[in-house]
Amino acid sequence: MSTSKKTANKEKADRKVYVGPTINRISAIRNRTYIGTLPAVFQAAIKEYKWLANLLVAPSEVSAASASIKRQDGAYWEAYKLAEGLLNKTGGK
């Protein structure tokens, strides 16, 4: 495999989509694709709130995660509710 294909595959593997509610103070933006390293403030929030990582999904999982949230059922929904609680706890976006 050529170096450019390896790089492209690595970048594709490093992509995560945040499917939770927007929480600006931690740079968690709904439906944003993060490539590579997350913003430091987002990383710190994940260390404090481990469940927040459940809302970062591979692009191929976005549809399933969104369906879970829409149905209000499953692990993605549970994490989404916790994120909404965090959003309310911090006084808004």
C-alpha atoms as a PDB file:
ATOM      1  CA  MET A   1       0.000   0.000   0.000  1.00  0.00           C
ATOM      2  CA  SER A   2       1.377   3.424  -0.885  1.00  0.00           C
ATOM      3  CA  THR A   3       2.142   6.013   1.757  1.00  0.00           C
ATOM      4  CA  SER A   4      -0.662   8.293   0.554  1.00  0.00           C
ATOM      5  CA  LYS A   5      -3.217   5.467   0.869  1.00  0.00           C
ATOM      6  CA  LYS A   6      -1.947   4.665   4.374  1.00  0.00           C
ATOM      7  CA  THR A   7      -2.287   8.318   5.351  1.00  0.00           C
ATOM      8  CA  ALA A   8      -5.795   8.520   3.883  1.00  0.00           C
ATOM      9  CA  ASN A   9      -6.837   5.353   5.741  1.00  0.00           C
ATOM     10  CA  LYS A  10      -5.386   6.658   9.019  1.00  0.00           C
ATOM     11  CA  GLU A  11      -7.219   9.984   8.627  1.00  0.00           C
ATOM     12  CA  LYS A  12     -10.437   8.101   7.903  1.00  0.00           C
ATOM     13  CA  ALA A  13      -9.912   5.958  11.018  1.00  0.00           C
ATOM     14  CA  ASP A  14      -9.257   9.064  13.132  1.00  0.00           C
ATOM     15  CA  ARG A  15     -12.626  10.633  12.279  1.00  0.00           C
ATOM     16  CA  LYS A  16     -15.275  10.798  14.968  1.00  0.00           C
ATOM     17  CA  VAL A  17     -18.668  12.495  14.802  1.00  0.00           C
ATOM     18  CA  TYR A  18     -20.165  13.998  17.954  1.00  0.00           C
ATOM     19  CA  VAL A  19     -23.877  13.090  18.097  1.00  0.00           C
ATOM     20  CA  GLY A  20     -24.776  14.727  21.414  1.00  0.00           C
ATOM     21  CA  PRO A  21     -26.247  18.162  22.062  1.00  0.00           C
ATOM     22  CA  THR A  22     -24.055  21.195  21.409  1.00  0.00           C
ATOM     23  CA  ILE A  23     -22.129  22.236  24.508  1.00  0.00           C
ATOM     24  CA  ASN A  24     -20.026  25.190  23.406  1.00  0.00           C
ATOM     25  CA  ARG A  25     -18.005  25.530  26.589  1.00  0.00           C
ATOM     26  CA  ILE A  26     -16.361  22.151  25.944  1.00  0.00           C
ATOM     27  CA  SER A  27     -16.243  22.499  22.134  1.00  0.00           C
ATOM     28  CA  ALA A  28     -18.737  19.660  21.672  1.00  0.00           C
ATOM     29  CA  ILE A  29     -20.683  20.636  18.566  1.00  0.00           C
ATOM     30  CA  ARG A  30     -23.577  18.420  17.431  1.00  0.00           C
ATOM     31  CA  ASN A  31     -22.847  16.540  14.186  1.00  0.00           C
ATOM     32  CA  ARG A  32     -19.323  17.958  13.937  1.00  0.00           C
ATOM     33  CA  THR A  33     -16.682  15.616  12.561  1.00  0.00           C
ATOM     34  CA  TYR A  34     -13.472  15.715  14.558  1.00  0.00           C
ATOM     35  CA  ILE A  35     -10.355  14.492  12.773  1.00  0.00           C
ATOM     36  CA  GLY A  36      -7.406  13.394  14.857  1.00  0.00           C
ATOM     37  CA  THR A  37      -7.037  14.978  18.276  1.00  0.00           C
ATOM     38  CA  LEU A  38     -10.054  16.470  20.026  1.00  0.00           C
ATOM     39  CA  PRO A  39      -9.879  20.015  21.431  1.00  0.00           C
ATOM     40  CA  ALA A  40      -8.165  19.996  24.849  1.00  0.00           C
ATOM     41  CA  VAL A  41     -11.287  21.210  26.657  1.00  0.00           C
ATOM     42  CA  PHE A  42     -13.319  18.367  25.099  1.00  0.00           C
ATOM     43  CA  GLN A  43     -10.662  15.828  26.123  1.00  0.00           C
ATOM     44  CA  ALA A  44     -10.747  17.170  29.685  1.00  0.00           C
ATOM     45  CA  ALA A  45     -14.546  16.860  29.762  1.00  0.00           C
ATOM     46  CA  ILE A  46     -14.310  13.226  28.621  1.00  0.00           C
ATOM     47  CA  LYS A  47     -11.858  12.506  31.452  1.00  0.00           C
ATOM     48  CA  GLU A  48     -14.369  13.913  33.938  1.00  0.00           C
ATOM     49  CA  TYR A  49     -17.490  12.503  32.262  1.00  0.00           C
ATOM     50  CA  LYS A  50     -16.448   9.141  30.763  1.00  0.00           C
ATOM     51  CA  TRP A  51     -19.889   8.568  29.192  1.00  0.00           C
ATOM     52  CA  LEU A  52     -19.321  11.595  26.929  1.00  0.00           C
ATOM     53  CA  ALA A  53     -17.016   9.438  24.764  1.00  0.00           C
ATOM     54  CA  ASN A  54     -20.064   7.311  23.872  1.00  0.00           C
ATOM     55  CA  LEU A  55     -21.356  10.252  21.844  1.00  0.00           C
ATOM     56  CA  LEU A  56     -18.262  10.270  19.610  1.00  0.00           C
ATOM     57  CA  VAL A  57     -18.943   7.711  16.898  1.00  0.00           C
ATOM     58  CA  ALA A  58     -17.388   6.561  13.650  1.00  0.00           C
ATOM     59  CA  PRO A  59     -19.045   8.136  10.613  1.00  0.00           C
ATOM     60  CA  SER A  60     -20.497   4.722   9.743  1.00  0.00           C
ATOM     61  CA  GLU A  61     -22.305   4.659  13.125  1.00  0.00           C
ATOM     62  CA  VAL A  62     -23.965   8.096  12.889  1.00  0.00           C
ATOM     63  CA  SER A  63     -27.191   6.719  11.438  1.00  0.00           C
ATOM     64  CA  ALA A  64     -27.578   4.103  14.182  1.00  0.00           C
ATOM     65  CA  ALA A  65     -26.715   6.603  16.912  1.00  0.00           C
ATOM     66  CA  SER A  66     -29.146   9.189  15.547  1.00  0.00           C
ATOM     67  CA  ALA A  67     -31.902   6.563  15.310  1.00  0.00           C
ATOM     68  CA  SER A  68     -31.285   5.532  18.940  1.00  0.00           C
ATOM     69  CA  ILE A  69     -31.516   9.143  20.068  1.00  0.00           C
ATOM     70  CA  LYS A  70     -34.647   9.775  18.012  1.00  0.00           C
ATOM     71  CA  ARG A  71     -36.307   6.623  19.445  1.00  0.00           C
ATOM     72  CA  GLN A  72     -35.150   7.656  22.929  1.00  0.00           C
ATOM     73  CA  ASP A  73     -33.799   4.152  23.472  1.00  0.00           C
ATOM     74  CA  GLY A  74     -30.417   2.497  23.861  1.00  0.00           C
ATOM     75  CA  ALA A  75     -26.907   3.446  24.927  1.00  0.00           C
ATOM     76  CA  TYR A  76     -26.626   6.509  22.701  1.00  0.00           C
ATOM     77  CA  TRP A  77     -29.865   7.883  24.129  1.00  0.00           C
ATOM     78  CA  GLU A  78     -28.675   7.294  27.690  1.00  0.00           C
ATOM     79  CA  ALA A  79     -25.456   9.211  26.985  1.00  0.00           C
ATOM     80  CA  TYR A  80     -27.425  11.952  25.211  1.00  0.00           C
ATOM     81  CA  LYS A  81     -29.645  12.442  28.286  1.00  0.00           C
ATOM     82  CA  LEU A  82     -26.565  12.747  30.482  1.00  0.00           C
ATOM     83  CA  ALA A  83     -25.123  15.323  28.077  1.00  0.00           C
ATOM     84  CA  GLU A  84     -28.366  17.303  28.220  1.00  0.00           C
ATOM     85  CA  GLY A  85     -28.065  17.227  32.004  1.00  0.00           C
ATOM     86  CA  LEU A  86     -24.520  18.528  31.727  1.00  0.00           C
ATOM     87  CA  LEU A  87     -25.724  21.247  29.367  1.00  0.00           C
ATOM     88  CA  ASN A  88     -28.432  22.287  31.851  1.00  0.00           C
ATOM     89  CA  LYS A  89     -25.976  22.098  34.756  1.00  0.00           C
ATOM     90  CA  THR A  90     -23.639  24.530  33.031  1.00  0.00           C
ATOM     91  CA  GLY A  91     -26.373  27.048  32.409  1.00  0.00           C
ATOM     92  CA  GLY A  92     -26.819  26.621  28.677  1.00  0.00           C
ATOM     93  CA  LYS A  93     -24.590  26.357  25.684  1.00  0.00           C
END
